[in-house]
Protein backbone atom coordinates (compact mmCIF):
# COMPACT_ATOMS: atom_id res chain seq x y z
CA UNK A 1 0.00 0.00 0.00
CA UNK A 2 1.31 3.43 -0.84
CA UNK A 3 2.65 5.54 2.00
CA UNK A 4 0.06 8.27 1.32
CA UNK A 5 -2.80 5.79 1.73
CA UNK A 6 -1.38 4.52 5.01
CA UNK A 7 -1.00 8.09 6.27
CA UNK A 8 -4.63 8.94 5.33
CA UNK A 9 -5.83 5.81 7.09
CA UNK A 10 -3.82 6.60 10.21
CA UNK A 11 -5.28 10.11 10.28
CA UNK A 12 -8.78 8.65 9.91
CA UNK A 13 -8.44 6.64 13.11
CA UNK A 14 -6.56 9.21 15.19
CA UNK A 15 -8.57 9.64 18.38
CA UNK A 16 -6.44 12.35 19.96
CA UNK A 17 -8.95 15.07 18.98
CA UNK A 18 -11.74 13.05 20.56
CA UNK A 19 -9.81 12.60 23.78
CA UNK A 20 -9.03 16.31 23.96
CA UNK A 21 -12.61 17.44 23.32
CA UNK A 22 -14.54 15.11 25.64
CA UNK A 23 -15.86 16.56 28.89
CA UNK A 24 -14.11 14.01 31.09
CA UNK A 25 -15.56 15.40 34.33
CA UNK A 26 -19.05 14.41 33.13
CA UNK A 27 -17.74 11.17 31.66
CA UNK A 28 -16.14 10.15 34.95
CA UNK A 29 -18.10 12.00 37.63
CA UNK A 30 -21.52 12.59 36.07
CA UNK A 31 -24.68 10.70 36.78
CA UNK A 32 -24.91 7.01 35.94
CA UNK A 33 -26.77 7.83 32.72
CA UNK A 34 -24.16 10.43 31.74
CA UNK A 35 -21.28 8.00 32.34
CA UNK A 36 -23.04 5.34 30.26
CA UNK A 37 -23.78 7.81 27.48
CA UNK A 38 -20.20 9.09 27.37
CA UNK A 39 -18.85 5.54 27.13
CA UNK A 40 -21.21 4.84 24.25
CA UNK A 41 -20.28 8.13 22.58
CA UNK A 42 -16.60 7.21 22.80
CA UNK A 43 -17.28 3.84 21.15
CA UNK A 44 -19.42 5.54 18.51
CA UNK A 45 -16.61 7.94 17.65
CA UNK A 46 -14.05 5.12 17.53
CA UNK A 47 -16.37 3.27 15.15
CA UNK A 48 -16.73 6.36 12.96
CA UNK A 49 -12.98 6.47 12.62
CA UNK A 50 -12.92 2.74 11.91
CA UNK A 51 -15.49 3.26 9.12
CA UNK A 52 -13.18 5.84 7.53
CA UNK A 53 -10.30 3.39 7.89
CA UNK A 54 -12.30 0.77 5.97
CA UNK A 55 -13.09 3.35 3.27
CA UNK A 56 -9.34 3.69 2.74
CA UNK A 57 -9.07 -0.04 2.08
CA UNK A 58 -7.58 -1.19 5.36
CA UNK A 59 -8.90 -4.25 7.12
CA UNK A 60 -10.43 -4.11 10.58
CA UNK A 61 -11.45 -6.48 13.36
CA UNK A 62 -15.04 -5.27 13.13
CA UNK A 63 -17.06 -2.54 14.76
CA UNK A 64 -17.09 -2.10 18.52
CA UNK A 65 -20.19 -2.74 20.55
CA UNK A 66 -21.45 0.69 21.64
CA UNK A 67 -23.03 -0.58 24.86
CA UNK A 68 -22.81 0.93 28.35
CA UNK A 69 -20.20 -1.60 29.56
CA UNK A 70 -16.81 0.12 29.73
CA UNK A 71 -14.82 -3.06 29.16
CA UNK A 72 -17.01 -4.67 26.50
CA UNK A 73 -14.88 -6.33 23.86
CA UNK A 74 -17.64 -7.45 21.51
CA UNK A 75 -17.08 -6.80 17.82
CA UNK A 76 -19.24 -7.46 14.77
CA UNK A 77 -19.27 -6.73 11.06
CA UNK A 78 -21.66 -4.18 9.62
CA UNK A 79 -22.49 -3.54 6.00
CA UNK A 80 -22.22 0.02 4.73
CA UNK A 81 -26.03 0.24 4.79
CA UNK A 82 -26.23 -0.97 8.39
CA UNK A 83 -23.51 1.50 9.39
CA UNK A 84 -25.41 4.35 7.73
CA UNK A 85 -28.59 3.30 9.54
CA UNK A 86 -26.74 3.25 12.86
CA UNK A 87 -25.57 6.82 12.28
CA UNK A 88 -28.92 8.09 10.95
CA UNK A 89 -29.87 9.46 14.39
CA UNK A 90 -27.66 11.01 17.05
CA UNK A 91 -29.35 8.93 19.76
CA UNK A 92 -28.96 5.59 17.91
CA UNK A 93 -26.22 3.11 18.77
CA UNK A 94 -25.33 -0.38 17.61
CA UNK A 95 -24.76 -3.05 20.27
CA UNK A 96 -24.17 -6.77 20.53
CA UNK A 97 -27.37 -8.77 21.16
CA UNK A 98 -28.36 -8.52 24.81
CA UNK A 99 -26.04 -5.59 25.58
CA UNK A 100 -28.91 -3.31 26.48
CA UNK A 101 -29.63 -1.29 29.60
CA UNK A 102 -33.41 -0.75 29.64
CA UNK A 103 -33.00 2.14 32.08
CA UNK A 104 -31.36 4.32 29.41
CA UNK A 105 -32.20 2.79 26.03
CA UNK A 106 -34.72 0.83 24.03
CA UNK A 107 -34.11 -1.75 21.28
CA UNK A 108 -35.52 -0.47 17.99
CA UNK A 109 -34.30 -3.18 15.61
CA UNK A 110 -32.73 -6.63 16.00
CA UNK A 111 -30.34 -8.40 13.64
CA UNK A 112 -28.63 -11.75 14.29
CA UNK A 113 -25.24 -10.25 15.23
CA UNK A 114 -26.18 -6.75 16.42
CA UNK A 115 -29.09 -4.62 17.59
CA UNK A 116 -29.90 -0.94 17.17
CA UNK A 117 -30.80 0.90 20.37
CA UNK A 118 -31.95 4.45 20.98
CA UNK A 119 -31.23 6.44 24.11
CA UNK A 120 -33.84 7.86 26.44
CA UNK A 121 -33.86 10.72 28.94
CA UNK A 122 -30.55 12.13 30.13
CA UNK A 123 -28.61 9.59 28.05
CA UNK A 124 -30.36 10.88 24.91
CA UNK A 125 -29.29 14.45 25.74
CA UNK A 126 -25.65 13.40 26.17
CA UNK A 127 -25.78 11.36 22.96
CA UNK A 128 -27.05 14.37 21.05
CA UNK A 129 -24.42 16.66 22.61
CA UNK A 130 -21.57 14.31 21.72
CA UNK A 131 -22.71 13.37 18.20
């Protein structure tokens, strides 16, 4: 692969801007719903960078589960259409089956290897702010 393509791909997955712009006091010290929403927002932004990486022709281990669990390691493949659907709303996230917290989200669509969820209440506000 040409050096320019590798450089573009590396830039596409650089998360330093994300780390610098997140309100870490709310992510670490906010309400339970805020902490959950910030974790999901972080995963969403990592997945957005991963999608750009794929667009540049680099392989990937799959998309991250965007659930509330900080240490979730679930990954799954998404088609371009499924990825676009996941990003069609600022309060929509894609999670592994069963990785749902009914206190802050509701399942809106189920697929064999992933589900779409939408945030409610305070978690929805944080999702919209961090989109």
